[in-house]
Amino acid sequence: MQRYRVLQTYVPPLIADWILEQSNLRETSVSVVIRDHLVAAWNRDNDHADRPGGTDPRTGQMLDLWSE
């Protein structure tokens, strides 16, 4: 069973308003919106680990360009 950790942070008012607006639009909680954005950012940062890299560094760069 996956366990979750509770995190707390403070954000500027403009970001807080945007998160609240997103939660209202989605009809879900603020914590779900924040979690979704954090998971999406984590996936973007770690996506390169899932792609095969070539032995030539230029090949890896080309794969990165194609995936954008």
C-alpha atoms as a PDB file:
ATOM      1  CA  MET A   1       0.000   0.000   0.000  1.00  0.00           C
ATOM      2  CA  GLN A   2       1.326   3.408  -0.996  1.00  0.00           C
ATOM      3  CA  ARG A   3       1.782   5.881   1.834  1.00  0.00           C
ATOM      4  CA  TYR A   4       1.573   9.613   1.450  1.00  0.00           C
ATOM      5  CA  ARG A   5       3.405  12.329   3.330  1.00  0.00           C
ATOM      6  CA  VAL A   6       1.832  15.577   4.360  1.00  0.00           C
ATOM      7  CA  LEU A   7       3.610  18.736   3.220  1.00  0.00           C
ATOM      8  CA  GLN A   8       2.826  22.326   4.086  1.00  0.00           C
ATOM      9  CA  THR A   9       3.948  25.428   2.248  1.00  0.00           C
ATOM     10  CA  TYR A  10       3.167  29.089   1.888  1.00  0.00           C
ATOM     11  CA  VAL A  11       2.645  30.704  -1.517  1.00  0.00           C
ATOM     12  CA  PRO A  12       2.147  34.279  -2.704  1.00  0.00           C
ATOM     13  CA  PRO A  13      -1.480  35.460  -2.867  1.00  0.00           C
ATOM     14  CA  LEU A  14      -1.623  35.346  -6.686  1.00  0.00           C
ATOM     15  CA  ILE A  15      -0.631  31.667  -6.702  1.00  0.00           C
ATOM     16  CA  ALA A  16      -3.041  30.906  -3.871  1.00  0.00           C
ATOM     17  CA  ASP A  17      -5.883  32.562  -5.791  1.00  0.00           C
ATOM     18  CA  TRP A  18      -4.982  30.590  -8.918  1.00  0.00           C
ATOM     19  CA  ILE A  19      -4.944  27.299  -6.984  1.00  0.00           C
ATOM     20  CA  LEU A  20      -8.312  28.140  -5.400  1.00  0.00           C
ATOM     21  CA  GLU A  21      -9.727  28.982  -8.821  1.00  0.00           C
ATOM     22  CA  GLN A  22      -8.437  25.673 -10.210  1.00  0.00           C
ATOM     23  CA  SER A  23     -10.023  23.747  -7.348  1.00  0.00           C
ATOM     24  CA  ASN A  24     -13.355  25.487  -7.937  1.00  0.00           C
ATOM     25  CA  LEU A  25     -13.240  24.784 -11.674  1.00  0.00           C
ATOM     26  CA  ARG A  26     -12.411  21.113 -11.091  1.00  0.00           C
ATOM     27  CA  GLU A  27     -14.831  20.866  -8.173  1.00  0.00           C
ATOM     28  CA  THR A  28     -12.170  19.244  -6.028  1.00  0.00           C
ATOM     29  CA  SER A  29     -10.017  20.128  -3.053  1.00  0.00           C
ATOM     30  CA  VAL A  30      -7.030  22.450  -3.088  1.00  0.00           C
ATOM     31  CA  SER A  31      -4.775  19.602  -1.969  1.00  0.00           C
ATOM     32  CA  VAL A  32      -5.752  17.525  -5.016  1.00  0.00           C
ATOM     33  CA  VAL A  33      -4.940  20.414  -7.366  1.00  0.00           C
ATOM     34  CA  ILE A  34      -1.572  20.990  -5.719  1.00  0.00           C
ATOM     35  CA  ARG A  35      -0.806  17.263  -5.761  1.00  0.00           C
ATOM     36  CA  ASP A  36      -1.677  17.030  -9.472  1.00  0.00           C
ATOM     37  CA  HIS A  37       0.653  19.918 -10.307  1.00  0.00           C
ATOM     38  CA  LEU A  38       3.478  18.514  -8.206  1.00  0.00           C
ATOM     39  CA  VAL A  39       3.139  15.063  -9.794  1.00  0.00           C
ATOM     40  CA  ALA A  40       3.100  16.604 -13.293  1.00  0.00           C
ATOM     41  CA  ALA A  41       6.259  18.604 -12.506  1.00  0.00           C
ATOM     42  CA  TRP A  42       7.955  15.540 -11.043  1.00  0.00           C
ATOM     43  CA  ASN A  43       7.068  13.519 -14.156  1.00  0.00           C
ATOM     44  CA  ARG A  44       8.497  16.251 -16.419  1.00  0.00           C
ATOM     45  CA  ASP A  45      11.736  16.317 -14.436  1.00  0.00           C
ATOM     46  CA  ASN A  46      12.084  12.542 -14.431  1.00  0.00           C
ATOM     47  CA  ASP A  47      10.742  11.755 -17.903  1.00  0.00           C
ATOM     48  CA  HIS A  48      14.228  11.676 -19.440  1.00  0.00           C
ATOM     49  CA  ALA A  49      15.088   8.615 -17.332  1.00  0.00           C
ATOM     50  CA  ASP A  50      12.419   6.632 -19.196  1.00  0.00           C
ATOM     51  CA  ARG A  51      13.790   7.382 -22.670  1.00  0.00           C
ATOM     52  CA  PRO A  52      16.678   5.450 -24.121  1.00  0.00           C
ATOM     53  CA  GLY A  53      19.766   7.530 -24.720  1.00  0.00           C
ATOM     54  CA  GLY A  54      22.122   6.913 -27.573  1.00  0.00           C
ATOM     55  CA  THR A  55      25.804   6.235 -27.205  1.00  0.00           C
ATOM     56  CA  ASP A  56      26.412   9.485 -29.093  1.00  0.00           C
ATOM     57  CA  PRO A  57      25.341  12.498 -26.971  1.00  0.00           C
ATOM     58  CA  ARG A  58      23.931  14.174 -30.088  1.00  0.00           C
ATOM     59  CA  THR A  59      21.496  11.254 -30.475  1.00  0.00           C
ATOM     60  CA  GLY A  60      20.147  11.845 -26.974  1.00  0.00           C
ATOM     61  CA  GLN A  61      19.760  15.539 -27.735  1.00  0.00           C
ATOM     62  CA  MET A  62      17.777  14.742 -30.877  1.00  0.00           C
ATOM     63  CA  LEU A  63      15.473  12.439 -28.881  1.00  0.00           C
ATOM     64  CA  ASP A  64      14.917  15.269 -26.402  1.00  0.00           C
ATOM     65  CA  LEU A  65      14.031  17.694 -29.209  1.00  0.00           C
ATOM     66  CA  TRP A  66      11.570  15.264 -30.800  1.00  0.00           C
ATOM     67  CA  SER A  67       9.727  14.703 -27.536  1.00  0.00           C
ATOM     68  CA  GLU A  68       9.015  18.414 -26.983  1.00  0.00           C
END
